[in-house]
């Protein structure tokens, strides 16, 4: 298992400086991570830093609350693509989902997908705020809207990825969508656990620790 190829190396803190983003990109190149994940204001910088590498650029949209209006999410996503993003991780409108305004939630996701075209769209569900039924419904809405992934968390809510939520997502989307687990994934064992459950991507700011932990560290309890 090449763990590095599952990792979106992430820096989304409000305090992140341009120097932090340059460091992130250099680390992603060194460890051959699949992608970096940055706030939209840093997409152009990341694209410049990564232009001669295989590392993809993911940007978040409507982050972290998902409560921006639809037009602003579409404009943000469009600008991210112009600036060099390969993938968009958008936060769905959690309040509208909870109000069962499913058509509005679906139309917003579809509008973002339309503007980014063939690029990858991941829809962040923020599962810590959702019931099991709401997680299932969010998966179905994302699928109908044309998304490529459903993603557990922003990492800025009251909780991150959980085994329980990921199992629901895997069961609900099957092979029709991929799944990204994010939020609180800080060690090799946890990353492997989610991959074994069926996750295709791991969002983490602890990617280096995850890929540099030796087998001895992870296997010492298996003898």
N, C-alpha and C. Protein backbone atom coordinates (compact mmCIF):
# COMPACT_ATOMS: atom_id res chain seq x y z
N UNK A 1 0.85 -1.20 0.00
CA UNK A 1 0.00 0.00 0.00
C UNK A 1 0.89 1.26 0.00
N UNK A 2 0.78 2.04 -1.08
CA UNK A 2 1.54 3.29 -1.15
C UNK A 2 0.72 4.40 -0.51
N UNK A 3 0.90 4.57 0.79
CA UNK A 3 0.07 5.54 1.52
C UNK A 3 0.18 6.95 0.96
N UNK A 4 1.36 7.32 0.49
CA UNK A 4 1.55 8.70 0.01
C UNK A 4 0.60 9.05 -1.14
N UNK A 5 0.20 8.05 -1.93
CA UNK A 5 -0.66 8.30 -3.09
C UNK A 5 -2.14 8.48 -2.70
N UNK A 6 -2.44 8.28 -1.44
CA UNK A 6 -3.80 8.52 -0.95
C UNK A 6 -3.95 9.91 -0.32
N UNK A 7 -2.83 10.59 -0.12
CA UNK A 7 -2.86 11.76 0.77
C UNK A 7 -3.01 13.08 0.04
N UNK A 8 -4.00 13.87 0.50
CA UNK A 8 -4.11 15.29 0.16
C UNK A 8 -3.45 16.04 1.31
N UNK A 9 -2.24 16.54 1.05
CA UNK A 9 -1.43 17.22 2.07
C UNK A 9 -2.03 18.61 2.29
N UNK A 10 -2.50 18.86 3.49
CA UNK A 10 -3.46 19.95 3.73
C UNK A 10 -2.93 21.05 4.64
N UNK A 11 -3.20 22.30 4.22
CA UNK A 11 -2.93 23.46 5.07
C UNK A 11 -4.06 24.46 4.85
N UNK A 12 -5.01 24.47 5.79
CA UNK A 12 -6.21 25.31 5.65
C UNK A 12 -6.40 26.28 6.81
N UNK A 13 -5.40 26.41 7.65
CA UNK A 13 -5.53 27.30 8.81
C UNK A 13 -5.71 28.75 8.37
N UNK A 14 -6.47 29.49 9.16
CA UNK A 14 -6.66 30.91 8.89
C UNK A 14 -5.34 31.68 8.93
N UNK A 15 -4.39 31.15 9.71
CA UNK A 15 -3.11 31.83 9.90
C UNK A 15 -2.05 31.43 8.88
N UNK A 16 -2.40 30.55 7.94
CA UNK A 16 -1.42 30.08 6.95
C UNK A 16 -0.88 31.25 6.13
N UNK A 17 0.43 31.33 6.04
CA UNK A 17 1.10 32.39 5.28
C UNK A 17 1.56 31.83 3.93
N UNK A 18 1.95 32.70 2.99
CA UNK A 18 2.52 32.20 1.73
C UNK A 18 3.70 31.26 1.97
N UNK A 19 4.51 31.56 2.97
CA UNK A 19 5.66 30.68 3.28
C UNK A 19 5.19 29.29 3.70
N UNK A 20 4.08 29.24 4.44
CA UNK A 20 3.53 27.94 4.84
C UNK A 20 3.08 27.12 3.61
N UNK A 21 2.52 27.80 2.63
CA UNK A 21 2.03 27.12 1.42
C UNK A 21 3.22 26.62 0.59
N UNK A 22 4.26 27.43 0.49
CA UNK A 22 5.46 27.00 -0.24
C UNK A 22 6.07 25.77 0.43
N UNK A 23 6.11 25.79 1.77
CA UNK A 23 6.63 24.63 2.52
C UNK A 23 5.76 23.40 2.25
N UNK A 24 4.45 23.58 2.27
CA UNK A 24 3.51 22.48 2.00
C UNK A 24 3.79 21.86 0.63
N UNK A 25 3.96 22.71 -0.37
CA UNK A 25 4.19 22.23 -1.74
C UNK A 25 5.52 21.48 -1.84
N UNK A 26 6.55 22.00 -1.19
CA UNK A 26 7.85 21.32 -1.21
C UNK A 26 7.78 19.96 -0.55
N UNK A 27 7.03 19.89 0.56
CA UNK A 27 6.84 18.60 1.24
C UNK A 27 6.08 17.62 0.35
N UNK A 28 5.05 18.13 -0.33
CA UNK A 28 4.24 17.27 -1.20
C UNK A 28 5.09 16.69 -2.33
N UNK A 29 5.99 17.51 -2.87
CA UNK A 29 6.89 17.02 -3.92
C UNK A 29 7.86 15.98 -3.37
N UNK A 30 8.41 16.27 -2.20
CA UNK A 30 9.39 15.36 -1.59
C UNK A 30 8.79 13.99 -1.30
N UNK A 31 7.59 13.97 -0.75
CA UNK A 31 6.98 12.71 -0.33
C UNK A 31 6.03 12.13 -1.39
N UNK A 32 5.94 12.82 -2.53
CA UNK A 32 5.09 12.36 -3.65
C UNK A 32 3.65 12.13 -3.22
N UNK A 33 3.12 13.09 -2.46
CA UNK A 33 1.71 13.03 -2.09
C UNK A 33 0.85 13.23 -3.34
N UNK A 34 -0.39 12.75 -3.28
CA UNK A 34 -1.26 12.87 -4.45
C UNK A 34 -1.56 14.34 -4.75
N UNK A 35 -1.89 15.10 -3.70
CA UNK A 35 -2.30 16.49 -3.90
C UNK A 35 -1.96 17.33 -2.67
N UNK A 36 -1.99 18.64 -2.87
CA UNK A 36 -2.06 19.56 -1.74
C UNK A 36 -3.50 20.09 -1.70
N UNK A 37 -3.94 20.48 -0.52
CA UNK A 37 -5.27 21.08 -0.36
C UNK A 37 -5.10 22.41 0.36
N UNK A 38 -5.50 23.50 -0.32
CA UNK A 38 -5.26 24.85 0.19
C UNK A 38 -6.53 25.70 0.07
N UNK A 39 -6.54 26.80 0.80
CA UNK A 39 -7.61 27.78 0.63
C UNK A 39 -7.48 28.45 -0.73
N UNK A 40 -8.60 28.98 -1.22
CA UNK A 40 -8.64 29.46 -2.60
C UNK A 40 -7.67 30.61 -2.88
N UNK A 41 -7.37 31.41 -1.89
CA UNK A 41 -6.46 32.53 -2.13
C UNK A 41 -5.04 32.07 -2.45
N UNK A 42 -4.73 30.81 -2.16
CA UNK A 42 -3.37 30.30 -2.39
C UNK A 42 -3.26 29.34 -3.57
N UNK A 43 -4.31 29.18 -4.33
CA UNK A 43 -4.25 28.25 -5.47
C UNK A 43 -3.20 28.69 -6.48
N UNK A 44 -3.19 29.97 -6.82
CA UNK A 44 -2.24 30.47 -7.82
C UNK A 44 -0.80 30.23 -7.36
N UNK A 45 -0.54 30.50 -6.09
CA UNK A 45 0.80 30.28 -5.53
C UNK A 45 1.17 28.80 -5.59
N UNK A 46 0.24 27.94 -5.17
CA UNK A 46 0.51 26.50 -5.17
C UNK A 46 0.74 25.99 -6.59
N UNK A 47 -0.04 26.50 -7.53
CA UNK A 47 0.12 26.08 -8.93
C UNK A 47 1.50 26.45 -9.46
N UNK A 48 1.97 27.61 -9.06
CA UNK A 48 3.30 28.06 -9.48
C UNK A 48 4.39 27.18 -8.87
N UNK A 49 4.21 26.82 -7.59
CA UNK A 49 5.20 26.00 -6.90
C UNK A 49 5.24 24.56 -7.43
N UNK A 50 4.11 24.09 -7.92
CA UNK A 50 3.99 22.68 -8.30
C UNK A 50 3.97 22.46 -9.81
N UNK A 51 4.27 23.50 -10.60
CA UNK A 51 4.05 23.42 -12.05
C UNK A 51 4.87 22.33 -12.74
N UNK A 52 6.01 21.96 -12.20
CA UNK A 52 6.83 20.91 -12.84
C UNK A 52 6.77 19.59 -12.07
N UNK A 53 5.67 19.37 -11.36
CA UNK A 53 5.53 18.14 -10.56
C UNK A 53 4.24 17.43 -10.92
N UNK A 54 4.07 16.23 -10.37
CA UNK A 54 2.84 15.46 -10.59
C UNK A 54 1.81 15.71 -9.49
N UNK A 55 2.14 16.56 -8.52
CA UNK A 55 1.23 16.81 -7.40
C UNK A 55 0.04 17.65 -7.87
N UNK A 56 -1.16 17.18 -7.57
CA UNK A 56 -2.38 17.90 -7.94
C UNK A 56 -2.67 19.00 -6.91
N UNK A 57 -3.54 19.92 -7.31
CA UNK A 57 -3.94 21.01 -6.41
C UNK A 57 -5.44 20.93 -6.18
N UNK A 58 -5.81 20.77 -4.90
CA UNK A 58 -7.22 20.83 -4.50
C UNK A 58 -7.43 22.13 -3.73
N UNK A 59 -8.56 22.76 -3.98
CA UNK A 59 -8.92 23.96 -3.21
C UNK A 59 -10.29 23.79 -2.59
N UNK A 60 -10.45 24.35 -1.41
CA UNK A 60 -11.75 24.30 -0.75
C UNK A 60 -12.61 25.48 -1.19
N UNK A 61 -13.92 25.25 -1.21
CA UNK A 61 -14.90 26.26 -1.63
C UNK A 61 -16.04 26.28 -0.62
N UNK A 62 -16.48 27.49 -0.24
CA UNK A 62 -17.54 27.61 0.77
C UNK A 62 -17.09 27.10 2.12
N UNK A 63 -15.84 27.27 2.39
CA UNK A 63 -15.18 26.65 3.55
C UNK A 63 -15.09 27.63 4.72
N UNK A 64 -15.27 27.19 5.96
CA UNK A 64 -15.60 25.82 6.38
C UNK A 64 -17.08 25.60 6.71
N UNK A 65 -17.92 26.63 6.61
CA UNK A 65 -19.30 26.50 7.09
C UNK A 65 -20.28 25.98 6.04
N UNK A 66 -19.98 26.22 4.77
CA UNK A 66 -20.91 25.81 3.72
C UNK A 66 -22.10 26.73 3.56
N UNK A 67 -22.12 27.83 4.31
CA UNK A 67 -23.31 28.69 4.37
C UNK A 67 -23.24 29.88 3.41
N UNK A 68 -22.22 29.93 2.58
CA UNK A 68 -22.14 30.99 1.56
C UNK A 68 -23.29 30.80 0.57
N UNK A 69 -23.67 31.89 -0.14
CA UNK A 69 -24.72 31.69 -1.14
C UNK A 69 -24.16 30.94 -2.34
N UNK A 70 -25.06 30.36 -3.09
CA UNK A 70 -24.68 29.50 -4.21
C UNK A 70 -23.80 30.24 -5.21
N UNK A 71 -24.16 31.46 -5.54
CA UNK A 71 -23.41 32.22 -6.55
C UNK A 71 -21.96 32.42 -6.12
N UNK A 72 -21.75 32.70 -4.84
CA UNK A 72 -20.37 32.94 -4.38
C UNK A 72 -19.55 31.65 -4.44
N UNK A 73 -20.19 30.50 -4.16
CA UNK A 73 -19.48 29.22 -4.27
C UNK A 73 -19.08 28.94 -5.73
N UNK A 74 -20.01 29.22 -6.63
CA UNK A 74 -19.74 29.00 -8.05
C UNK A 74 -18.60 29.90 -8.52
N UNK A 75 -18.64 31.18 -8.13
CA UNK A 75 -17.59 32.12 -8.52
C UNK A 75 -16.23 31.72 -7.94
N UNK A 76 -16.25 31.28 -6.68
CA UNK A 76 -15.00 30.86 -6.04
C UNK A 76 -14.41 29.65 -6.75
N UNK A 77 -15.26 28.68 -7.06
CA UNK A 77 -14.79 27.48 -7.76
C UNK A 77 -14.23 27.82 -9.13
N UNK A 78 -14.93 28.69 -9.83
CA UNK A 78 -14.48 29.11 -11.18
C UNK A 78 -13.12 29.78 -11.12
N UNK A 79 -12.93 30.65 -10.13
CA UNK A 79 -11.65 31.33 -9.99
C UNK A 79 -10.54 30.34 -9.62
N UNK A 80 -10.86 29.37 -8.78
CA UNK A 80 -9.87 28.34 -8.41
C UNK A 80 -9.35 27.60 -9.64
N UNK A 81 -10.27 27.25 -10.54
CA UNK A 81 -9.86 26.54 -11.76
C UNK A 81 -8.98 27.45 -12.62
N UNK A 82 -9.37 28.71 -12.74
CA UNK A 82 -8.55 29.66 -13.52
C UNK A 82 -7.16 29.79 -12.93
N UNK A 83 -7.08 29.71 -11.61
CA UNK A 83 -5.79 29.87 -10.92
C UNK A 83 -4.94 28.60 -10.94
N UNK A 84 -5.54 27.48 -11.39
CA UNK A 84 -4.74 26.26 -11.54
C UNK A 84 -5.17 25.07 -10.71
N UNK A 85 -6.34 25.13 -10.07
CA UNK A 85 -6.79 23.98 -9.27
C UNK A 85 -7.21 22.83 -10.17
N UNK A 86 -6.90 21.62 -9.72
CA UNK A 86 -7.33 20.40 -10.41
C UNK A 86 -8.60 19.82 -9.79
N UNK A 87 -8.81 20.12 -8.51
CA UNK A 87 -9.92 19.53 -7.77
C UNK A 87 -10.53 20.59 -6.85
N UNK A 88 -11.83 20.46 -6.62
CA UNK A 88 -12.55 21.35 -5.72
C UNK A 88 -13.19 20.53 -4.60
N UNK A 89 -12.94 20.94 -3.35
CA UNK A 89 -13.59 20.33 -2.18
C UNK A 89 -14.58 21.37 -1.63
N UNK A 90 -15.85 21.20 -1.96
CA UNK A 90 -16.85 22.20 -1.54
C UNK A 90 -17.64 21.69 -0.34
N UNK A 91 -17.99 22.62 0.55
CA UNK A 91 -18.85 22.28 1.69
C UNK A 91 -20.29 22.47 1.26
N UNK A 92 -21.10 21.41 1.40
CA UNK A 92 -22.51 21.58 1.05
C UNK A 92 -23.20 22.47 2.08
N UNK A 93 -24.39 22.95 1.74
CA UNK A 93 -25.13 23.81 2.65
C UNK A 93 -25.82 22.95 3.71
N UNK A 94 -25.20 22.88 4.87
CA UNK A 94 -25.64 21.98 5.94
C UNK A 94 -27.03 22.37 6.46
N UNK A 95 -27.26 23.65 6.61
CA UNK A 95 -28.56 24.11 7.11
C UNK A 95 -29.70 23.76 6.18
N UNK A 96 -29.47 23.91 4.87
CA UNK A 96 -30.50 23.56 3.90
C UNK A 96 -30.74 22.06 3.87
N UNK A 97 -29.68 21.28 4.04
CA UNK A 97 -29.84 19.82 4.11
C UNK A 97 -30.71 19.45 5.31
N UNK A 98 -30.41 20.05 6.46
CA UNK A 98 -31.16 19.74 7.68
C UNK A 98 -32.63 20.17 7.56
N UNK A 99 -32.86 21.21 6.77
CA UNK A 99 -34.24 21.68 6.55
C UNK A 99 -34.96 20.87 5.47
N UNK A 100 -34.27 19.84 4.98
CA UNK A 100 -34.81 18.97 3.92
C UNK A 100 -35.08 19.72 2.62
N UNK A 101 -34.33 20.78 2.38
CA UNK A 101 -34.43 21.51 1.11
C UNK A 101 -33.45 20.87 0.12
N UNK A 102 -33.73 19.63 -0.18
CA UNK A 102 -32.78 18.80 -0.93
C UNK A 102 -32.53 19.31 -2.34
N UNK A 103 -33.56 19.86 -2.96
CA UNK A 103 -33.42 20.37 -4.32
C UNK A 103 -32.41 21.52 -4.35
N UNK A 104 -32.49 22.40 -3.37
CA UNK A 104 -31.55 23.53 -3.32
C UNK A 104 -30.12 23.05 -3.11
N UNK A 105 -29.95 22.06 -2.24
CA UNK A 105 -28.61 21.51 -1.98
C UNK A 105 -28.06 20.88 -3.26
N UNK A 106 -28.91 20.12 -3.94
CA UNK A 106 -28.48 19.45 -5.18
C UNK A 106 -28.13 20.45 -6.28
N UNK A 107 -28.96 21.46 -6.42
CA UNK A 107 -28.73 22.45 -7.48
C UNK A 107 -27.43 23.22 -7.25
N UNK A 108 -27.11 23.48 -6.00
CA UNK A 108 -25.85 24.17 -5.69
C UNK A 108 -24.64 23.32 -6.07
N UNK A 109 -24.68 22.05 -5.69
CA UNK A 109 -23.57 21.14 -6.03
C UNK A 109 -23.45 21.02 -7.55
N UNK A 110 -24.58 20.87 -8.22
CA UNK A 110 -24.58 20.74 -9.68
C UNK A 110 -24.03 21.99 -10.35
N UNK A 111 -24.33 23.16 -9.79
CA UNK A 111 -23.84 24.41 -10.37
C UNK A 111 -22.32 24.52 -10.26
N UNK A 112 -21.79 24.08 -9.12
CA UNK A 112 -20.32 24.09 -8.95
C UNK A 112 -19.69 23.07 -9.91
N UNK A 113 -20.30 21.90 -10.02
CA UNK A 113 -19.76 20.87 -10.94
C UNK A 113 -19.77 21.38 -12.38
N UNK A 114 -20.84 22.06 -12.74
CA UNK A 114 -20.94 22.55 -14.12
C UNK A 114 -19.81 23.53 -14.44
N UNK A 115 -19.50 24.41 -13.50
CA UNK A 115 -18.50 25.44 -13.78
C UNK A 115 -17.07 24.87 -13.77
N UNK A 116 -16.85 23.76 -13.08
CA UNK A 116 -15.49 23.19 -13.05
C UNK A 116 -15.30 22.10 -14.10
N UNK A 117 -16.38 21.72 -14.79
CA UNK A 117 -16.27 20.78 -15.89
C UNK A 117 -15.77 19.41 -15.48
N UNK A 118 -14.71 18.95 -16.15
CA UNK A 118 -14.22 17.58 -15.92
C UNK A 118 -13.35 17.44 -14.67
N UNK A 119 -13.09 18.56 -14.00
CA UNK A 119 -12.28 18.48 -12.77
C UNK A 119 -13.03 17.73 -11.67
N UNK A 120 -12.26 17.19 -10.74
CA UNK A 120 -12.82 16.41 -9.64
C UNK A 120 -13.56 17.32 -8.65
N UNK A 121 -14.78 16.93 -8.29
CA UNK A 121 -15.54 17.65 -7.26
C UNK A 121 -15.77 16.72 -6.07
N UNK A 122 -15.28 17.17 -4.91
CA UNK A 122 -15.54 16.45 -3.66
C UNK A 122 -16.52 17.30 -2.85
N UNK A 123 -17.54 16.65 -2.32
CA UNK A 123 -18.55 17.36 -1.53
C UNK A 123 -18.35 17.01 -0.06
N UNK A 124 -18.06 18.03 0.74
CA UNK A 124 -17.82 17.85 2.18
C UNK A 124 -19.16 17.85 2.90
N UNK A 125 -19.45 16.74 3.58
CA UNK A 125 -20.74 16.59 4.26
C UNK A 125 -20.74 17.16 5.67
N UNK A 126 -19.58 17.25 6.30
CA UNK A 126 -19.44 17.64 7.71
C UNK A 126 -20.31 16.74 8.59
N UNK A 127 -19.92 15.47 8.60
CA UNK A 127 -20.74 14.42 9.23
C UNK A 127 -20.96 14.60 10.72
N UNK A 128 -20.10 15.37 11.39
CA UNK A 128 -20.28 15.57 12.84
C UNK A 128 -21.59 16.26 13.17
N UNK A 129 -22.17 16.97 12.19
CA UNK A 129 -23.42 17.69 12.41
C UNK A 129 -24.64 16.94 11.89
N UNK A 130 -24.43 15.75 11.30
CA UNK A 130 -25.52 15.06 10.61
C UNK A 130 -25.94 13.78 11.31
N UNK A 131 -27.22 13.46 11.18
CA UNK A 131 -27.71 12.14 11.61
C UNK A 131 -27.32 11.11 10.55
N UNK A 132 -27.46 9.84 10.88
CA UNK A 132 -27.16 8.79 9.90
C UNK A 132 -28.01 8.97 8.64
N UNK A 133 -29.29 9.27 8.82
CA UNK A 133 -30.17 9.45 7.66
C UNK A 133 -29.76 10.66 6.82
N UNK A 134 -29.28 11.71 7.49
CA UNK A 134 -28.82 12.90 6.75
C UNK A 134 -27.53 12.61 5.98
N UNK A 135 -26.66 11.78 6.55
CA UNK A 135 -25.45 11.37 5.83
C UNK A 135 -25.84 10.61 4.56
N UNK A 136 -26.79 9.68 4.70
CA UNK A 136 -27.26 8.91 3.54
C UNK A 136 -27.86 9.82 2.48
N UNK A 137 -28.69 10.74 2.92
CA UNK A 137 -29.34 11.66 1.99
C UNK A 137 -28.31 12.55 1.28
N UNK A 138 -27.33 13.05 2.04
CA UNK A 138 -26.28 13.89 1.46
C UNK A 138 -25.50 13.13 0.40
N UNK A 139 -25.24 11.86 0.64
CA UNK A 139 -24.54 11.02 -0.35
C UNK A 139 -25.37 10.91 -1.62
N UNK A 140 -26.67 10.67 -1.46
CA UNK A 140 -27.54 10.53 -2.63
C UNK A 140 -27.63 11.83 -3.42
N UNK A 141 -27.72 12.95 -2.70
CA UNK A 141 -27.80 14.26 -3.36
C UNK A 141 -26.51 14.54 -4.14
N UNK A 142 -25.37 14.27 -3.51
CA UNK A 142 -24.07 14.51 -4.17
C UNK A 142 -23.95 13.67 -5.44
N UNK A 143 -24.43 12.44 -5.36
CA UNK A 143 -24.37 11.53 -6.52
C UNK A 143 -25.24 12.07 -7.66
N UNK A 144 -26.47 12.46 -7.31
CA UNK A 144 -27.40 12.98 -8.34
C UNK A 144 -26.88 14.27 -8.96
N UNK A 145 -26.13 15.05 -8.19
CA UNK A 145 -25.64 16.34 -8.67
C UNK A 145 -24.38 16.21 -9.53
N UNK A 146 -23.82 14.99 -9.62
CA UNK A 146 -22.67 14.80 -10.48
C UNK A 146 -21.31 14.91 -9.81
N UNK A 147 -21.29 14.88 -8.48
CA UNK A 147 -20.01 14.94 -7.76
C UNK A 147 -19.20 13.66 -8.00
N UNK A 148 -17.91 13.76 -7.75
CA UNK A 148 -17.02 12.59 -7.89
C UNK A 148 -16.72 11.91 -6.57
N UNK A 149 -16.76 12.69 -5.49
CA UNK A 149 -16.43 12.19 -4.14
C UNK A 149 -17.43 12.74 -3.14
N UNK A 150 -17.63 12.00 -2.07
CA UNK A 150 -18.17 12.59 -0.84
C UNK A 150 -17.05 12.54 0.20
N UNK A 151 -16.99 13.57 1.01
CA UNK A 151 -15.89 13.76 1.97
C UNK A 151 -16.48 13.95 3.36
N UNK A 152 -15.84 13.39 4.37
CA UNK A 152 -16.44 13.38 5.71
C UNK A 152 -16.53 14.76 6.35
N UNK A 153 -15.43 15.53 6.30
CA UNK A 153 -15.30 16.64 7.25
C UNK A 153 -14.41 17.76 6.73
N UNK A 154 -14.59 18.93 7.33
CA UNK A 154 -13.68 20.04 7.06
C UNK A 154 -12.44 19.97 7.94
N UNK A 155 -12.58 19.33 9.10
CA UNK A 155 -11.52 19.40 10.11
C UNK A 155 -11.70 20.61 11.03
N UNK A 156 -12.74 21.42 10.76
CA UNK A 156 -13.00 22.63 11.57
C UNK A 156 -14.33 22.53 12.32
N UNK A 157 -15.03 21.40 12.20
CA UNK A 157 -16.28 21.20 12.93
C UNK A 157 -16.01 20.64 14.32
N UNK A 158 -17.05 20.11 14.94
CA UNK A 158 -16.90 19.56 16.30
C UNK A 158 -16.24 18.20 16.31
N UNK A 159 -16.11 17.59 15.13
CA UNK A 159 -15.45 16.28 15.03
C UNK A 159 -15.02 16.02 13.61
N UNK A 160 -14.10 15.08 13.44
CA UNK A 160 -13.61 14.73 12.11
C UNK A 160 -14.18 13.41 11.63
N UNK A 161 -13.38 12.71 10.83
CA UNK A 161 -13.80 11.42 10.28
C UNK A 161 -14.05 10.42 11.40
N UNK A 162 -15.07 9.60 11.23
CA UNK A 162 -15.31 8.48 12.15
C UNK A 162 -15.54 7.22 11.33
N UNK A 163 -15.22 6.10 11.93
CA UNK A 163 -15.43 4.82 11.26
C UNK A 163 -16.92 4.64 10.95
N UNK A 164 -17.76 5.04 11.88
CA UNK A 164 -19.21 4.90 11.72
C UNK A 164 -19.70 5.66 10.48
N UNK A 165 -19.30 6.93 10.36
CA UNK A 165 -19.74 7.74 9.22
C UNK A 165 -19.21 7.19 7.90
N UNK A 166 -17.95 6.78 7.90
CA UNK A 166 -17.35 6.26 6.66
C UNK A 166 -18.06 4.98 6.21
N UNK A 167 -18.41 4.12 7.16
CA UNK A 167 -19.13 2.89 6.80
C UNK A 167 -20.48 3.20 6.16
N UNK A 168 -21.18 4.19 6.70
CA UNK A 168 -22.47 4.61 6.12
C UNK A 168 -22.25 5.12 4.69
N UNK A 169 -21.21 5.93 4.51
CA UNK A 169 -20.93 6.51 3.19
C UNK A 169 -20.56 5.43 2.17
N UNK A 170 -19.74 4.48 2.60
CA UNK A 170 -19.34 3.37 1.72
C UNK A 170 -20.57 2.57 1.30
N UNK A 171 -21.43 2.29 2.26
CA UNK A 171 -22.64 1.51 1.99
C UNK A 171 -23.57 2.27 1.05
N UNK A 172 -23.62 3.57 1.22
CA UNK A 172 -24.58 4.38 0.45
C UNK A 172 -24.13 4.63 -0.98
N UNK A 173 -22.85 4.88 -1.20
CA UNK A 173 -22.40 5.24 -2.56
C UNK A 173 -21.82 4.07 -3.32
N UNK A 174 -21.44 2.99 -2.62
CA UNK A 174 -20.90 1.82 -3.30
C UNK A 174 -19.73 2.18 -4.18
N UNK A 175 -19.81 1.78 -5.45
CA UNK A 175 -18.75 2.10 -6.41
C UNK A 175 -19.07 3.34 -7.22
N UNK A 176 -20.21 3.97 -6.93
CA UNK A 176 -20.65 5.09 -7.78
C UNK A 176 -19.90 6.38 -7.48
N UNK A 177 -19.46 6.57 -6.24
CA UNK A 177 -18.65 7.74 -5.88
C UNK A 177 -17.46 7.26 -5.05
N UNK A 178 -16.41 8.05 -5.06
CA UNK A 178 -15.28 7.77 -4.18
C UNK A 178 -15.48 8.53 -2.87
N UNK A 179 -14.68 8.17 -1.87
CA UNK A 179 -14.83 8.75 -0.54
C UNK A 179 -13.49 9.30 -0.07
N UNK A 180 -13.55 10.49 0.51
CA UNK A 180 -12.38 11.09 1.15
C UNK A 180 -12.66 11.23 2.63
N UNK A 181 -11.75 10.68 3.45
CA UNK A 181 -11.84 10.83 4.90
C UNK A 181 -10.89 11.93 5.32
N UNK A 182 -11.36 12.83 6.17
CA UNK A 182 -10.51 13.93 6.65
C UNK A 182 -10.97 14.37 8.03
N UNK A 183 -10.05 15.00 8.74
CA UNK A 183 -10.36 15.48 10.08
C UNK A 183 -9.89 14.51 11.14
N UNK A 184 -8.78 14.84 11.78
CA UNK A 184 -8.29 14.04 12.91
C UNK A 184 -7.51 12.80 12.55
N UNK A 185 -7.13 12.67 11.28
CA UNK A 185 -6.35 11.49 10.86
C UNK A 185 -4.87 11.84 10.97
N UNK A 186 -4.22 11.30 12.00
CA UNK A 186 -2.88 11.77 12.35
C UNK A 186 -1.82 10.67 12.38
N UNK A 187 -2.22 9.40 12.19
CA UNK A 187 -1.22 8.32 12.28
C UNK A 187 -1.47 7.26 11.22
N UNK A 188 -0.45 6.44 11.02
CA UNK A 188 -0.48 5.42 9.98
C UNK A 188 -1.63 4.43 10.16
N UNK A 189 -1.82 3.96 11.38
CA UNK A 189 -2.85 2.94 11.64
C UNK A 189 -4.24 3.47 11.27
N UNK A 190 -4.52 4.72 11.63
CA UNK A 190 -5.84 5.31 11.33
C UNK A 190 -6.02 5.46 9.82
N UNK A 191 -4.99 5.94 9.14
CA UNK A 191 -5.07 6.10 7.68
C UNK A 191 -5.34 4.76 7.01
N UNK A 192 -4.61 3.74 7.42
CA UNK A 192 -4.78 2.39 6.83
C UNK A 192 -6.18 1.85 7.11
N UNK A 193 -6.69 2.13 8.31
CA UNK A 193 -8.03 1.65 8.68
C UNK A 193 -9.08 2.20 7.71
N UNK A 194 -8.98 3.48 7.41
CA UNK A 194 -9.96 4.09 6.51
C UNK A 194 -9.80 3.58 5.08
N UNK A 195 -8.57 3.39 4.65
CA UNK A 195 -8.34 2.87 3.29
C UNK A 195 -8.92 1.46 3.18
N UNK A 196 -8.73 0.67 4.21
CA UNK A 196 -9.27 -0.70 4.20
C UNK A 196 -10.80 -0.71 4.21
N UNK A 197 -11.40 0.34 4.77
CA UNK A 197 -12.86 0.46 4.74
C UNK A 197 -13.39 0.84 3.36
N UNK A 198 -12.50 1.36 2.50
CA UNK A 198 -12.91 1.70 1.15
C UNK A 198 -12.69 3.15 0.74
N UNK A 199 -11.93 3.89 1.56
CA UNK A 199 -11.65 5.30 1.27
C UNK A 199 -10.57 5.41 0.19
N UNK A 200 -10.76 6.35 -0.75
CA UNK A 200 -9.81 6.55 -1.84
C UNK A 200 -8.83 7.69 -1.61
N UNK A 201 -9.17 8.58 -0.66
CA UNK A 201 -8.28 9.72 -0.39
C UNK A 201 -8.35 10.06 1.08
N UNK A 202 -7.21 10.50 1.62
CA UNK A 202 -7.09 10.90 3.02
C UNK A 202 -6.67 12.37 3.05
N UNK A 203 -7.48 13.20 3.71
CA UNK A 203 -7.11 14.60 3.89
C UNK A 203 -6.49 14.78 5.26
N UNK A 204 -5.26 15.26 5.29
CA UNK A 204 -4.56 15.36 6.58
C UNK A 204 -3.43 16.38 6.51
N UNK A 205 -3.15 16.99 7.66
CA UNK A 205 -1.96 17.83 7.78
C UNK A 205 -0.82 17.05 8.42
N UNK A 206 -1.07 15.75 8.67
CA UNK A 206 -0.05 14.89 9.29
C UNK A 206 0.49 13.85 8.31
N UNK A 207 0.48 14.19 7.03
CA UNK A 207 0.89 13.25 6.00
C UNK A 207 2.31 12.74 6.16
N UNK A 208 3.22 13.63 6.55
CA UNK A 208 4.61 13.21 6.69
C UNK A 208 4.75 12.17 7.79
N UNK A 209 4.10 12.42 8.94
CA UNK A 209 4.14 11.45 10.04
C UNK A 209 3.54 10.12 9.61
N UNK A 210 2.45 10.18 8.84
CA UNK A 210 1.77 8.96 8.40
C UNK A 210 2.67 8.11 7.50
N UNK A 211 3.38 8.75 6.59
CA UNK A 211 4.19 7.95 5.63
C UNK A 211 5.59 7.63 6.12
N UNK A 212 6.05 8.31 7.19
CA UNK A 212 7.41 8.04 7.66
C UNK A 212 7.45 7.14 8.89
N UNK A 213 6.28 6.82 9.45
CA UNK A 213 6.25 5.87 10.56
C UNK A 213 6.70 4.51 10.03
N UNK A 214 7.63 3.89 10.72
CA UNK A 214 8.17 2.61 10.23
C UNK A 214 7.18 1.48 10.45
N UNK A 215 7.36 0.42 9.70
CA UNK A 215 6.51 -0.77 9.86
C UNK A 215 6.60 -1.32 11.27
N UNK A 216 7.79 -1.20 11.86
CA UNK A 216 7.97 -1.70 13.24
C UNK A 216 6.99 -1.00 14.19
N UNK A 217 6.84 0.32 13.97
CA UNK A 217 5.94 1.08 14.84
C UNK A 217 4.49 0.62 14.68
N UNK A 218 4.10 0.31 13.44
CA UNK A 218 2.70 -0.03 13.22
C UNK A 218 2.41 -1.50 13.45
N UNK A 219 3.44 -2.34 13.39
CA UNK A 219 3.22 -3.77 13.48
C UNK A 219 3.57 -4.38 14.84
N UNK A 220 4.05 -3.56 15.76
CA UNK A 220 4.60 -4.13 16.99
C UNK A 220 3.57 -4.89 17.83
N UNK A 221 2.28 -4.59 17.62
CA UNK A 221 1.24 -5.26 18.40
C UNK A 221 0.64 -6.47 17.67
N UNK A 222 1.20 -6.80 16.50
CA UNK A 222 0.57 -7.87 15.71
C UNK A 222 1.24 -9.21 15.88
N UNK A 223 2.31 -9.25 16.63
CA UNK A 223 3.03 -10.54 16.79
C UNK A 223 2.33 -11.43 17.80
